[in-house]
Amino acid sequence: MAESQNEKAASQEEEVELPMPWRQVQSAIWLIGLAILFWQSWWWPGILILVAISGLTQALVQVYVKRQRDQAQALQAQEVAAARLPETCPVCGAPVNARSAVWTSPTTATCPYCNSNLLRERAA
């Protein structure tokens, strides 16, 4: 029972809450859609189409928002890693900065001259 509650809590944390402008887009879709349904009297198939359009746009917007958050987190992790690079390579003594280092992952880099792993300086 506790396991199902943990899974439910994890799935709620993973669900992306839409920022305010995107919620307004959903409201506009419904208002415009309902206006068209009233105007054309297409109630039966129209409401199903409106629900489908609303669901698809919400899914697409959630994917977009999640991708933006992931990119922001990756950029932040790379900036933190770049700030912790040593000023010179410990093996060959060449000057190293975030642009000259060869990044093998978002948090690890190698020296562009001798290809040795650059050990990150410890945070103060």
PDB file of N, CA and C in Angstrom:
ATOM      1  N   MET A   1       0.822  -1.188   0.000  1.00  0.00           N
ATOM      2  CA  MET A   1       0.000   0.000   0.000  1.00  0.00           C
ATOM      3  C   MET A   1       0.867   1.253   0.000  1.00  0.00           C
ATOM      4  N   ALA A   2       1.902   1.258   0.818  1.00  0.00           N
ATOM      5  CA  ALA A   2       2.804   2.404   0.864  1.00  0.00           C
ATOM      6  C   ALA A   2       3.533   2.560  -0.466  1.00  0.00           C
ATOM      7  N   GLU A   3       3.783   1.418  -1.123  1.00  0.00           N
ATOM      8  CA  GLU A   3       4.472   1.461  -2.418  1.00  0.00           C
ATOM      9  C   GLU A   3       3.616   2.162  -3.470  1.00  0.00           C
ATOM     10  N   SER A   4       2.307   1.893  -3.468  1.00  0.00           N
ATOM     11  CA  SER A   4       1.428   2.545  -4.448  1.00  0.00           C
ATOM     12  C   SER A   4       1.316   4.046  -4.170  1.00  0.00           C
ATOM     13  N   GLN A   5       1.365   4.441  -2.895  1.00  0.00           N
ATOM     14  CA  GLN A   5       1.331   5.863  -2.560  1.00  0.00           C
ATOM     15  C   GLN A   5       2.604   6.557  -3.019  1.00  0.00           C
ATOM     16  N   ASN A   6       3.753   5.868  -2.886  1.00  0.00           N
ATOM     17  CA  ASN A   6       5.018   6.439  -3.351  1.00  0.00           C
ATOM     18  C   ASN A   6       5.018   6.606  -4.864  1.00  0.00           C
ATOM     19  N   GLU A   7       4.477   5.608  -5.579  1.00  0.00           N
ATOM     20  CA  GLU A   7       4.404   5.696  -7.037  1.00  0.00           C
ATOM     21  C   GLU A   7       3.486   6.838  -7.459  1.00  0.00           C
ATOM     22  N   LYS A   8       2.367   6.994  -6.751  1.00  0.00           N
ATOM     23  CA  LYS A   8       1.423   8.063  -7.070  1.00  0.00           C
ATOM     24  C   LYS A   8       2.063   9.430  -6.831  1.00  0.00           C
ATOM     25  N   ALA A   9       2.813   9.571  -5.737  1.00  0.00           N
ATOM     26  CA  ALA A   9       3.482  10.840  -5.440  1.00  0.00           C
ATOM     27  C   ALA A   9       4.560  11.140  -6.480  1.00  0.00           C
ATOM     28  N   ALA A  10       5.292  10.112  -6.913  1.00  0.00           N
ATOM     29  CA  ALA A  10       6.335  10.311  -7.925  1.00  0.00           C
ATOM     30  C   ALA A  10       5.732  10.725  -9.259  1.00  0.00           C
ATOM     31  N   SER A  11       4.598  10.134  -9.626  1.00  0.00           N
ATOM     32  CA  SER A  11       3.975  10.496 -10.904  1.00  0.00           C
ATOM     33  C   SER A  11       3.422  11.917 -10.857  1.00  0.00           C
ATOM     34  N   GLN A  12       2.948  12.360  -9.692  1.00  0.00           N
ATOM     35  CA  GLN A  12       2.454  13.728  -9.570  1.00  0.00           C
ATOM     36  C   GLN A  12       3.597  14.730  -9.663  1.00  0.00           C
ATOM     37  N   GLU A  13       4.782  14.373  -9.133  1.00  0.00           N
ATOM     38  CA  GLU A  13       5.930  15.261  -9.223  1.00  0.00           C
ATOM     39  C   GLU A  13       6.425  15.371 -10.657  1.00  0.00           C
ATOM     40  N   GLU A  14       6.326  14.262 -11.436  1.00  0.00           N
ATOM     41  CA  GLU A  14       6.790  14.266 -12.813  1.00  0.00           C
ATOM     42  C   GLU A  14       5.874  15.077 -13.717  1.00  0.00           C
ATOM     43  N   GLU A  15       4.587  15.170 -13.376  1.00  0.00           N
ATOM     44  CA  GLU A  15       3.652  15.913 -14.208  1.00  0.00           C
ATOM     45  C   GLU A  15       4.009  17.394 -14.172  1.00  0.00           C
ATOM     46  N   VAL A  16       4.134  17.951 -15.343  1.00  0.00           N
ATOM     47  CA  VAL A  16       4.551  19.342 -15.468  1.00  0.00           C
ATOM     48  C   VAL A  16       3.334  20.246 -15.370  1.00  0.00           C
ATOM     49  N   GLU A  17       3.395  21.217 -14.461  1.00  0.00           N
ATOM     50  CA  GLU A  17       2.304  22.182 -14.360  1.00  0.00           C
ATOM     51  C   GLU A  17       2.550  23.284 -15.375  1.00  0.00           C
ATOM     52  N   LEU A  18       1.505  23.609 -16.115  1.00  0.00           N
ATOM     53  CA  LEU A  18       1.639  24.600 -17.171  1.00  0.00           C
ATOM     54  C   LEU A  18       1.727  26.002 -16.593  1.00  0.00           C
ATOM     55  N   PRO A  19       2.640  26.820 -17.118  1.00  0.00           N
ATOM     56  CA  PRO A  19       2.694  28.225 -16.698  1.00  0.00           C
ATOM     57  C   PRO A  19       1.437  28.962 -17.145  1.00  0.00           C
ATOM     58  N   MET A  20       1.214  30.118 -16.582  1.00  0.00           N
ATOM     59  CA  MET A  20      -0.016  30.878 -16.801  1.00  0.00           C
ATOM     60  C   MET A  20      -0.338  31.151 -18.275  1.00  0.00           C
ATOM     61  N   PRO A  21       0.593  31.611 -19.121  1.00  0.00           N
ATOM     62  CA  PRO A  21       0.212  31.886 -20.516  1.00  0.00           C
ATOM     63  C   PRO A  21      -0.315  30.649 -21.241  1.00  0.00           C
ATOM     64  N   TRP A  22       0.223  29.480 -20.919  1.00  0.00           N
ATOM     65  CA  TRP A  22      -0.241  28.262 -21.591  1.00  0.00           C
ATOM     66  C   TRP A  22      -1.630  27.867 -21.112  1.00  0.00           C
ATOM     67  N   ARG A  23      -1.937  28.137 -19.854  1.00  0.00           N
ATOM     68  CA  ARG A  23      -3.295  27.872 -19.366  1.00  0.00           C
ATOM     69  C   ARG A  23      -4.290  28.777 -20.073  1.00  0.00           C
ATOM     70  N   GLN A  24      -3.879  29.996 -20.373  1.00  0.00           N
ATOM     71  CA  GLN A  24      -4.763  30.911 -21.093  1.00  0.00           C
ATOM     72  C   GLN A  24      -5.011  30.423 -22.516  1.00  0.00           C
ATOM     73  N   VAL A  25      -4.032  29.763 -23.113  1.00  0.00           N
ATOM     74  CA  VAL A  25      -4.228  29.184 -24.448  1.00  0.00           C
ATOM     75  C   VAL A  25      -5.301  28.101 -24.376  1.00  0.00           C
ATOM     76  N   GLN A  26      -5.250  27.277 -23.341  1.00  0.00           N
ATOM     77  CA  GLN A  26      -6.277  26.240 -23.174  1.00  0.00           C
ATOM     78  C   GLN A  26      -7.662  26.871 -23.021  1.00  0.00           C
ATOM     79  N   SER A  27      -7.751  27.916 -22.244  1.00  0.00           N
ATOM     80  CA  SER A  27      -9.037  28.603 -22.068  1.00  0.00           C
ATOM     81  C   SER A  27      -9.531  29.173 -23.390  1.00  0.00           C
ATOM     82  N   ALA A  28      -8.628  29.744 -24.164  1.00  0.00           N
ATOM     83  CA  ALA A  28      -9.013  30.308 -25.462  1.00  0.00           C
ATOM     84  C   ALA A  28      -9.507  29.218 -26.405  1.00  0.00           C
ATOM     85  N   ILE A  29      -8.854  28.066 -26.386  1.00  0.00           N
ATOM     86  CA  ILE A  29      -9.299  26.956 -27.244  1.00  0.00           C
ATOM     87  C   ILE A  29     -10.729  26.574 -26.888  1.00  0.00           C
ATOM     88  N   TRP A  30     -11.011  26.461 -25.597  1.00  0.00           N
ATOM     89  CA  TRP A  30     -12.361  26.082 -25.184  1.00  0.00           C
ATOM     90  C   TRP A  30     -13.381  27.166 -25.521  1.00  0.00           C
ATOM     91  N   LEU A  31     -13.059  28.421 -25.256  1.00  0.00           N
ATOM     92  CA  LEU A  31     -14.016  29.493 -25.542  1.00  0.00           C
ATOM     93  C   LEU A  31     -14.304  29.609 -27.039  1.00  0.00           C
ATOM     94  N   ILE A  32     -13.265  29.581 -27.846  1.00  0.00           N
ATOM     95  CA  ILE A  32     -13.464  29.667 -29.295  1.00  0.00           C
ATOM     96  C   ILE A  32     -14.179  28.424 -29.810  1.00  0.00           C
ATOM     97  N   GLY A  33     -13.783  27.269 -29.301  1.00  0.00           N
ATOM     98  CA  GLY A  33     -14.429  26.023 -29.721  1.00  0.00           C
ATOM     99  C   GLY A  33     -15.903  25.984 -29.373  1.00  0.00           C
ATOM    100  N   LEU A  34     -16.247  26.390 -28.158  1.00  0.00           N
ATOM    101  CA  LEU A  34     -17.661  26.412 -27.763  1.00  0.00           C
ATOM    102  C   LEU A  34     -18.443  27.438 -28.572  1.00  0.00           C
ATOM    103  N   ALA A  35     -17.821  28.568 -28.880  1.00  0.00           N
ATOM    104  CA  ALA A  35     -18.499  29.573 -29.712  1.00  0.00           C
ATOM    105  C   ALA A  35     -18.809  29.008 -31.091  1.00  0.00           C
ATOM    106  N   ILE A  36     -17.863  28.277 -31.663  1.00  0.00           N
ATOM    107  CA  ILE A  36     -18.101  27.667 -32.980  1.00  0.00           C
ATOM    108  C   ILE A  36     -19.200  26.615 -32.882  1.00  0.00           C
ATOM    109  N   LEU A  37     -19.199  25.838 -31.806  1.00  0.00           N
ATOM    110  CA  LEU A  37     -20.238  24.810 -31.644  1.00  0.00           C
ATOM    111  C   LEU A  37     -21.623  25.441 -31.510  1.00  0.00           C
ATOM    112  N   PHE A  38     -21.736  26.522 -30.757  1.00  0.00           N
ATOM    113  CA  PHE A  38     -23.019  27.230 -30.650  1.00  0.00           C
ATOM    114  C   PHE A  38     -23.447  27.782 -32.006  1.00  0.00           C
ATOM    115  N   TRP A  39     -22.515  28.392 -32.695  1.00  0.00           N
ATOM    116  CA  TRP A  39     -22.810  29.065 -33.954  1.00  0.00           C
ATOM    117  C   TRP A  39     -23.251  28.078 -35.034  1.00  0.00           C
ATOM    118  N   GLN A  40     -22.563  26.935 -35.115  1.00  0.00           N
ATOM    119  CA  GLN A  40     -22.851  25.968 -36.172  1.00  0.00           C
ATOM    120  C   GLN A  40     -23.793  24.847 -35.727  1.00  0.00           C
ATOM    121  N   SER A  41     -24.102  24.765 -34.444  1.00  0.00           N
ATOM    122  CA  SER A  41     -24.939  23.693 -33.876  1.00  0.00           C
ATOM    123  C   SER A  41     -24.369  22.304 -34.171  1.00  0.00           C
ATOM    124  N   TRP A  42     -23.075  22.161 -33.993  1.00  0.00           N
ATOM    125  CA  TRP A  42     -22.404  20.877 -34.204  1.00  0.00           C
ATOM    126  C   TRP A  42     -22.140  20.194 -32.858  1.00  0.00           C
ATOM    127  N   TRP A  43     -23.123  20.070 -32.019  1.00  0.00           N
ATOM    128  CA  TRP A  43     -22.885  19.603 -30.658  1.00  0.00           C
ATOM    129  C   TRP A  43     -22.302  18.218 -30.566  1.00  0.00           C
ATOM    130  N   TRP A  44     -22.935  17.237 -31.228  1.00  0.00           N
ATOM    131  CA  TRP A  44     -22.479  15.876 -30.959  1.00  0.00           C
ATOM    132  C   TRP A  44     -21.069  15.592 -31.455  1.00  0.00           C
ATOM    133  N   PRO A  45     -20.756  15.692 -32.690  1.00  0.00           N
ATOM    134  CA  PRO A  45     -19.357  15.376 -33.004  1.00  0.00           C
ATOM    135  C   PRO A  45     -18.412  16.500 -32.588  1.00  0.00           C
ATOM    136  N   GLY A  46     -18.940  17.710 -32.513  1.00  0.00           N
ATOM    137  CA  GLY A  46     -18.090  18.862 -32.230  1.00  0.00           C
ATOM    138  C   GLY A  46     -17.457  18.831 -30.856  1.00  0.00           C
ATOM    139  N   ILE A  47     -18.207  18.407 -29.844  1.00  0.00           N
ATOM    140  CA  ILE A  47     -17.659  18.402 -28.487  1.00  0.00           C
ATOM    141  C   ILE A  47     -16.533  17.377 -28.367  1.00  0.00           C
ATOM    142  N   LEU A  48     -16.652  16.255 -29.071  1.00  0.00           N
ATOM    143  CA  LEU A  48     -15.581  15.253 -29.051  1.00  0.00           C
ATOM    144  C   LEU A  48     -14.318  15.795 -29.727  1.00  0.00           C
ATOM    145  N   ILE A  49     -14.516  16.499 -30.821  1.00  0.00           N
ATOM    146  CA  ILE A  49     -13.371  17.088 -31.518  1.00  0.00           C
ATOM    147  C   ILE A  49     -12.716  18.155 -30.643  1.00  0.00           C
ATOM    148  N   LEU A  50     -13.522  18.945 -29.963  1.00  0.00           N
ATOM    149  CA  LEU A  50     -12.985  19.983 -29.080  1.00  0.00           C
ATOM    150  C   LEU A  50     -12.188  19.373 -27.927  1.00  0.00           C
ATOM    151  N   VAL A  51     -12.683  18.291 -27.351  1.00  0.00           N
ATOM    152  CA  VAL A  51     -11.954  17.605 -26.281  1.00  0.00           C
ATOM    153  C   VAL A  51     -10.631  17.060 -26.814  1.00  0.00           C
ATOM    154  N   ALA A  52     -10.647  16.488 -28.013  1.00  0.00           N
ATOM    155  CA  ALA A  52      -9.421  15.944 -28.605  1.00  0.00           C
ATOM    156  C   ALA A  52      -8.404  17.054 -28.879  1.00  0.00           C
ATOM    157  N   ILE A  53      -8.864  18.162 -29.441  1.00  0.00           N
ATOM    158  CA  ILE A  53      -7.956  19.285 -29.718  1.00  0.00           C
ATOM    159  C   ILE A  53      -7.361  19.816 -28.422  1.00  0.00           C
ATOM    160  N   SER A  54      -8.181  19.946 -27.399  1.00  0.00           N
ATOM    161  CA  SER A  54      -7.707  20.439 -26.111  1.00  0.00           C
ATOM    162  C   SER A  54      -6.667  19.494 -25.508  1.00  0.00           C
ATOM    163  N   GLY A  55      -6.948  18.199 -25.556  1.00  0.00           N
ATOM    164  CA  GLY A  55      -6.009  17.219 -25.011  1.00  0.00           C
ATOM    165  C   GLY A  55      -4.688  17.197 -25.758  1.00  0.00           C
ATOM    166  N   LEU A  56      -4.751  17.272 -27.078  1.00  0.00           N
ATOM    167  CA  LEU A  56      -3.525  17.268 -27.876  1.00  0.00           C
ATOM    168  C   LEU A  56      -2.680  18.511 -27.626  1.00  0.00           C
ATOM    169  N   THR A  57      -3.321  19.659 -27.566  1.00  0.00           N
ATOM    170  CA  THR A  57      -2.542  20.877 -27.326  1.00  0.00           C
ATOM    171  C   THR A  57      -1.927  20.873 -25.931  1.00  0.00           C
ATOM    172  N   GLN A  58      -2.659  20.356 -24.954  1.00  0.00           N
ATOM    173  CA  GLN A  58      -2.095  20.307 -23.606  1.00  0.00           C
ATOM    174  C   GLN A  58      -0.906  19.354 -23.564  1.00  0.00           C
ATOM    175  N   ALA A  59      -1.010  18.212 -24.233  1.00  0.00           N
ATOM    176  CA  ALA A  59       0.105  17.267 -24.257  1.00  0.00           C
ATOM    177  C   ALA A  59       1.322  17.872 -24.951  1.00  0.00           C
ATOM    178  N   LEU A  60       1.110  18.538 -26.076  1.00  0.00           N
ATOM    179  CA  LEU A  60       2.223  19.156 -26.801  1.00  0.00           C
ATOM    180  C   LEU A  60       2.873  20.273 -25.989  1.00  0.00           C
ATOM    181  N   VAL A  61       2.056  21.061 -25.324  1.00  0.00           N
ATOM    182  CA  VAL A  61       2.597  22.154 -24.517  1.00  0.00           C
ATOM    183  C   VAL A  61       3.378  21.597 -23.326  1.00  0.00           C
ATOM    184  N   GLN A  62       2.901  20.514 -22.710  1.00  0.00           N
ATOM    185  CA  GLN A  62       3.625  19.919 -21.590  1.00  0.00           C
ATOM    186  C   GLN A  62       4.980  19.391 -22.037  1.00  0.00           C
ATOM    187  N   VAL A  63       5.032  18.776 -23.216  1.00  0.00           N
ATOM    188  CA  VAL A  63       6.311  18.298 -23.739  1.00  0.00           C
ATOM    189  C   VAL A  63       7.256  19.476 -23.958  1.00  0.00           C
ATOM    190  N   TYR A  64       6.739  20.555 -24.528  1.00  0.00           N
ATOM    191  CA  TYR A  64       7.551  21.746 -24.785  1.00  0.00           C
ATOM    192  C   TYR A  64       8.075  22.349 -23.479  1.00  0.00           C
ATOM    193  N   VAL A  65       7.208  22.500 -22.482  1.00  0.00           N
ATOM    194  CA  VAL A  65       7.608  23.095 -21.202  1.00  0.00           C
ATOM    195  C   VAL A  65       8.628  22.206 -20.498  1.00  0.00           C
ATOM    196  N   LYS A  66       8.419  20.901 -20.526  1.00  0.00           N
ATOM    197  CA  LYS A  66       9.364  19.975 -19.889  1.00  0.00           C
ATOM    198  C   LYS A  66      10.725  20.038 -20.580  1.00  0.00           C
ATOM    199  N   ARG A  67      10.724  20.111 -21.902  1.00  0.00           N
ATOM    200  CA  ARG A  67      11.981  20.208 -22.645  1.00  0.00           C
ATOM    201  C   ARG A  67      12.716  21.500 -22.283  1.00  0.00           C
ATOM    202  N   GLN A  68      11.982  22.597 -22.143  1.00  0.00           N
ATOM    203  CA  GLN A  68      12.601  23.870 -21.771  1.00  0.00           C
ATOM    204  C   GLN A  68      13.223  23.788 -20.375  1.00  0.00           C
ATOM    205  N   ARG A  69      12.519  23.152 -19.442  1.00  0.00           N
ATOM    206  CA  ARG A  69      13.055  23.009 -18.080  1.00  0.00           C
ATOM    207  C   ARG A  69      14.295  22.126 -18.073  1.00  0.00           C
ATOM    208  N   ASP A  70      14.262  21.026 -18.848  1.00  0.00           N
ATOM    209  CA  ASP A  70      15.422  20.139 -18.908  1.00  0.00           C
ATOM    210  C   ASP A  70      16.635  20.849 -19.496  1.00  0.00           C
ATOM    211  N   GLN A  71      16.420  21.650 -20.535  1.00  0.00           N
ATOM    212  CA  GLN A  71      17.529  22.395 -21.132  1.00  0.00           C
ATOM    213  C   GLN A  71      18.091  23.413 -20.151  1.00  0.00           C
ATOM    214  N   ALA A  72      17.222  24.057 -19.396  1.00  0.00           N
ATOM    215  CA  ALA A  72      17.683  25.033 -18.407  1.00  0.00           C
ATOM    216  C   ALA A  72      18.494  24.349 -17.311  1.00  0.00           C
ATOM    217  N   GLN A  73      18.055  23.168 -16.873  1.00  0.00           N
ATOM    218  CA  GLN A  73      18.794  22.439 -15.849  1.00  0.00           C
ATOM    219  C   GLN A  73      20.147  21.971 -16.376  1.00  0.00           C
ATOM    220  N   ALA A  74      20.196  21.504 -17.632  1.00  0.00           N
ATOM    221  CA  ALA A  74      21.460  21.062 -18.216  1.00  0.00           C
ATOM    222  C   ALA A  74      22.432  22.229 -18.356  1.00  0.00           C
ATOM    223  N   LEU A  75      21.923  23.381 -18.772  1.00  0.00           N
ATOM    224  CA  LEU A  75      22.770  24.568 -18.905  1.00  0.00           C
ATOM    225  C   LEU A  75      23.308  25.002 -17.546  1.00  0.00           C
ATOM    226  N   GLN A  76      22.457  24.945 -16.539  1.00  0.00           N
ATOM    227  CA  GLN A  76      22.885  25.322 -15.192  1.00  0.00           C
ATOM    228  C   GLN A  76      23.950  24.353 -14.678  1.00  0.00           C
ATOM    229  N   ALA A  77      23.769  23.058 -14.927  1.00  0.00           N
ATOM    230  CA  ALA A  77      24.757  22.070 -14.491  1.00  0.00           C
ATOM    231  C   ALA A  77      26.089  22.284 -15.205  1.00  0.00           C
ATOM    232  N   GLN A  78      26.030  22.636 -16.490  1.00  0.00           N
ATOM    233  CA  GLN A  78      27.261  22.880 -17.232  1.00  0.00           C
ATOM    234  C   GLN A  78      27.966  24.142 -16.734  1.00  0.00           C
ATOM    235  N   GLU A  79      27.207  25.165 -16.395  1.00  0.00           N
ATOM    236  CA  GLU A  79      27.816  26.390 -15.865  1.00  0.00           C
ATOM    237  C   GLU A  79      28.487  26.125 -14.524  1.00  0.00           C
ATOM    238  N   VAL A  80      27.849  25.320 -13.687  1.00  0.00           N
ATOM    239  CA  VAL A  80      28.439  24.975 -12.391  1.00  0.00           C
ATOM    240  C   VAL A  80      29.715  24.174 -12.607  1.00  0.00           C
ATOM    241  N   ALA A  81      29.673  23.225 -13.548  1.00  0.00           N
ATOM    242  CA  ALA A  81      30.856  22.418 -13.824  1.00  0.00           C
ATOM    243  C   ALA A  81      31.977  23.278 -14.401  1.00  0.00           C
ATOM    244  N   ALA A  82      31.635  24.224 -15.271  1.00  0.00           N
ATOM    245  CA  ALA A  82      32.649  25.098 -15.868  1.00  0.00           C
ATOM    246  C   ALA A  82      33.301  25.972 -14.807  1.00  0.00           C
ATOM    247  N   ALA A  83      32.545  26.397 -13.833  1.00  0.00           N
ATOM    248  CA  ALA A  83      33.097  27.234 -12.773  1.00  0.00           C
ATOM    249  C   ALA A  83      34.059  26.452 -11.885  1.00  0.00           C
ATOM    250  N   ARG A  84      33.926  25.134 -11.882  1.00  0.00           N
ATOM    251  CA  ARG A  84      34.771  24.313 -11.019  1.00  0.00           C
ATOM    252  C   ARG A  84      35.979  23.727 -11.749  1.00  0.00           C
ATOM    253  N   LEU A  85      36.193  24.103 -13.020  1.00  0.00           N
ATOM    254  CA  LEU A  85      37.370  23.623 -13.742  1.00  0.00           C
ATOM    255  C   LEU A  85      38.626  24.291 -13.194  1.00  0.00           C
ATOM    256  N   PRO A  86      39.757  23.572 -13.219  1.00  0.00           N
ATOM    257  CA  PRO A  86      41.006  24.222 -12.806  1.00  0.00           C
ATOM    258  C   PRO A  86      41.440  25.236 -13.868  1.00  0.00           C
ATOM    259  N   GLU A  87      42.261  26.191 -13.469  1.00  0.00           N
ATOM    260  CA  GLU A  87      42.728  27.208 -14.413  1.00  0.00           C
ATOM    261  C   GLU A  87      43.751  26.648 -15.387  1.00  0.00           C
ATOM    262  N   THR A  88      44.531  25.665 -14.934  1.00  0.00           N
ATOM    263  CA  THR A  88      45.523  25.026 -15.803  1.00  0.00           C
ATOM    264  C   THR A  88      45.375  23.515 -15.708  1.00  0.00           C
ATOM    265  N   CYS A  89      45.782  22.838 -16.767  1.00  0.00           N
ATOM    266  CA  CYS A  89      45.733  21.374 -16.784  1.00  0.00           C
ATOM    267  C   CYS A  89      46.759  20.839 -15.788  1.00  0.00           C
ATOM    268  N   PRO A  90      46.387  19.902 -14.923  1.00  0.00           N
ATOM    269  CA  PRO A  90      47.333  19.380 -13.939  1.00  0.00           C
ATOM    270  C   PRO A  90      48.432  18.520 -14.572  1.00  0.00           C
ATOM    271  N   VAL A  91      48.227  18.030 -15.801  1.00  0.00           N
ATOM    272  CA  VAL A  91      49.222  17.167 -16.441  1.00  0.00           C
ATOM    273  C   VAL A  91      50.202  17.979 -17.286  1.00  0.00           C
ATOM    274  N   CYS A  92      49.687  18.806 -18.212  1.00  0.00           N
ATOM    275  CA  CYS A  92      50.577  19.527 -19.130  1.00  0.00           C
ATOM    276  C   CYS A  92      50.738  21.002 -18.781  1.00  0.00           C
ATOM    277  N   GLY A  93      49.929  21.544 -17.894  1.00  0.00           N
ATOM    278  CA  GLY A  93      50.051  22.928 -17.464  1.00  0.00           C
ATOM    279  C   GLY A  93      49.455  23.945 -18.417  1.00  0.00           C
ATOM    280  N   ALA A  94      48.739  23.490 -19.438  1.00  0.00           N
ATOM    281  CA  ALA A  94      48.127  24.411 -20.402  1.00  0.00           C
ATOM    282  C   ALA A  94      46.954  25.143 -19.757  1.00  0.00           C
ATOM    283  N   PRO A  95      46.727  26.394 -20.165  1.00  0.00           N
ATOM    284  CA  PRO A  95      45.566  27.113 -19.618  1.00  0.00           C
ATOM    285  C   PRO A  95      44.264  26.488 -20.121  1.00  0.00           C
ATOM    286  N   VAL A  96      43.307  26.361 -19.224  1.00  0.00           N
ATOM    287  CA  VAL A  96      42.037  25.716 -19.565  1.00  0.00           C
ATOM    288  C   VAL A  96      40.897  26.614 -19.107  1.00  0.00           C
ATOM    289  N   ASN A  97      39.906  26.763 -19.964  1.00  0.00           N
ATOM    290  CA  ASN A  97      38.674  27.441 -19.566  1.00  0.00           C
ATOM    291  C   ASN A  97      37.497  26.659 -20.136  1.00  0.00           C
ATOM    292  N   ALA A  98      36.298  27.124 -19.890  1.00  0.00           N
ATOM    293  CA  ALA A  98      35.104  26.380 -20.292  1.00  0.00           C
ATOM    294  C   ALA A  98      35.005  26.237 -21.805  1.00  0.00           C
ATOM    295  N   ARG A  99      35.480  27.215 -22.556  1.00  0.00           N
ATOM    296  CA  ARG A  99      35.403  27.135 -24.025  1.00  0.00           C
ATOM    297  C   ARG A  99      36.463  26.215 -24.613  1.00  0.00           C
ATOM    298  N   SER A 100      37.653  26.214 -24.046  1.00  0.00           N
ATOM    299  CA  SER A 100      38.726  25.409 -24.631  1.00  0.00           C
ATOM    300  C   SER A 100      38.660  23.944 -24.213  1.00  0.00           C
ATOM    301  N   ALA A 101      38.036  23.637 -23.090  1.00  0.00           N
ATOM    302  CA  ALA A 101      37.942  22.254 -22.628  1.00  0.00           C
ATOM    303  C   ALA A 101      37.036  21.452 -23.556  1.00  0.00           C
ATOM    304  N   VAL A 102      37.363  20.178 -23.718  1.00  0.00           N
ATOM    305  CA  VAL A 102      36.532  19.275 -24.513  1.00  0.00           C
ATOM    306  C   VAL A 102      35.579  18.586 -23.541  1.00  0.00           C
ATOM    307  N   TRP A 103      34.288  18.894 -23.665  1.00  0.00           N
ATOM    308  CA  TRP A 103      33.300  18.364 -22.730  1.00  0.00           C
ATOM    309  C   TRP A 103      32.881  16.974 -23.178  1.00  0.00           C
ATOM    310  N   THR A 104      33.093  15.981 -22.303  1.00  0.00           N
ATOM    311  CA  THR A 104      32.698  14.609 -22.612  1.00  0.00           C
ATOM    312  C   THR A 104      31.300  14.301 -22.104  1.00  0.00           C
ATOM    313  N   SER A 105      30.815  15.083 -21.182  1.00  0.00           N
ATOM    314  CA  SER A 105      29.440  14.991 -20.676  1.00  0.00           C
ATOM    315  C   SER A 105      29.117  16.372 -20.102  1.00  0.00           C
ATOM    316  N   PRO A 106      27.893  16.584 -19.648  1.00  0.00           N
ATOM    317  CA  PRO A 106      27.577  17.913 -19.097  1.00  0.00           C
ATOM    318  C   PRO A 106      28.407  18.309 -17.880  1.00  0.00           C
ATOM    319  N   THR A 107      29.036  17.340 -17.216  1.00  0.00           N
ATOM    320  CA  THR A 107      29.776  17.680 -15.997  1.00  0.00           C
ATOM    321  C   THR A 107      31.245  17.285 -16.029  1.00  0.00           C
ATOM    322  N   THR A 108      31.734  16.646 -17.088  1.00  0.00           N
ATOM    323  CA  THR A 108      33.137  16.242 -17.155  1.00  0.00           C
ATOM    324  C   THR A 108      33.786  16.778 -18.419  1.00  0.00           C
ATOM    325  N   ALA A 109      35.094  17.060 -18.322  1.00  0.00           N
ATOM    326  CA  ALA A 109      35.822  17.629 -19.454  1.00  0.00           C
ATOM    327  C   ALA A 109      37.227  17.047 -19.513  1.00  0.00           C
ATOM    328  N   THR A 110      37.847  17.178 -20.702  1.00  0.00           N
ATOM    329  CA  THR A 110      39.234  16.763 -20.883  1.00  0.00           C
ATOM    330  C   THR A 110      40.037  17.940 -21.417  1.00  0.00           C
ATOM    331  N   CYS A 111      41.342  17.871 -21.220  1.00  0.00           N
ATOM    332  CA  CYS A 111      42.244  18.913 -21.698  1.00  0.00           C
ATOM    333  C   CYS A 111      42.304  18.855 -23.228  1.00  0.00           C
ATOM    334  N   PRO A 112      42.219  19.992 -23.928  1.00  0.00           N
ATOM    335  CA  PRO A 112      42.265  19.965 -25.388  1.00  0.00           C
ATOM    336  C   PRO A 112      43.664  19.666 -25.936  1.00  0.00           C
ATOM    337  N   TYR A 113      44.697  19.744 -25.098  1.00  0.00           N
ATOM    338  CA  TYR A 113      46.070  19.541 -25.558  1.00  0.00           C
ATOM    339  C   TYR A 113      46.565  18.122 -25.303  1.00  0.00           C
ATOM    340  N   CYS A 114      46.325  17.591 -24.102  1.00  0.00           N
ATOM    341  CA  CYS A 114      46.861  16.268 -23.770  1.00  0.00           C
ATOM    342  C   CYS A 114      45.772  15.218 -23.539  1.00  0.00           C
ATOM    343  N   ASN A 115      44.515  15.590 -23.657  1.00  0.00           N
ATOM    344  CA  ASN A 115      43.363  14.691 -23.500  1.00  0.00           C
ATOM    345  C   ASN A 115      43.278  14.028 -22.128  1.00  0.00           C
ATOM    346  N   SER A 116      43.873  14.621 -21.119  1.00  0.00           N
ATOM    347  CA  SER A 116      43.742  14.064 -19.770  1.00  0.00           C
ATOM    348  C   SER A 116      42.461  14.595 -19.131  1.00  0.00           C
ATOM    349  N   ASN A 117      41.902  13.803 -18.229  1.00  0.00           N
ATOM    350  CA  ASN A 117      40.698  14.240 -17.520  1.00  0.00           C
ATOM    351  C   ASN A 117      41.045  15.406 -16.612  1.00  0.00           C
ATOM    352  N   LEU A 118      40.196  16.401 -16.635  1.00  0.00           N
ATOM    353  CA  LEU A 118      40.402  17.559 -15.773  1.00  0.00           C
ATOM    354  C   LEU A 118      39.667  17.326 -14.465  1.00  0.00           C
ATOM    355  N   LEU A 119      40.405  17.313 -13.391  1.00  0.00           N
ATOM    356  CA  LEU A 119      39.802  17.128 -12.082  1.00  0.00           C
ATOM    357  C   LEU A 119      39.189  18.440 -11.647  1.00  0.00           C
ATOM    358  N   ARG A 120      37.974  18.373 -11.202  1.00  0.00           N
ATOM    359  CA  ARG A 120      37.297  19.591 -10.757  1.00  0.00           C
ATOM    360  C   ARG A 120      37.844  20.020  -9.409  1.00  0.00           C
ATOM    361  N   GLU A 121      37.947  21.321  -9.245  1.00  0.00           N
ATOM    362  CA  GLU A 121      38.360  21.848  -7.948  1.00  0.00           C
ATOM    363  C   GLU A 121      37.219  21.662  -6.968  1.00  0.00           C
ATOM    364  N   ARG A 122      37.566  21.440  -5.732  1.00  0.00           N
ATOM    365  CA  ARG A 122      36.526  21.268  -4.715  1.00  0.00           C
ATOM    366  C   ARG A 122      35.854  22.592  -4.435  1.00  0.00           C
ATOM    367  N   ALA A 123      34.547  22.519  -4.205  1.00  0.00           N
ATOM    368  CA  ALA A 123      33.796  23.737  -3.876  1.00  0.00           C
ATOM    369  C   ALA A 123      34.207  24.212  -2.492  1.00  0.00           C
ATOM    370  N   ALA A 124      34.282  25.515  -2.323  1.00  0.00           N
ATOM    371  CA  ALA A 124      34.697  26.076  -1.033  1.00  0.00           C
ATOM    372  C   ALA A 124      33.609  25.973  -0.010  1.00  0.00           C
TER     373      ALA A 124
END
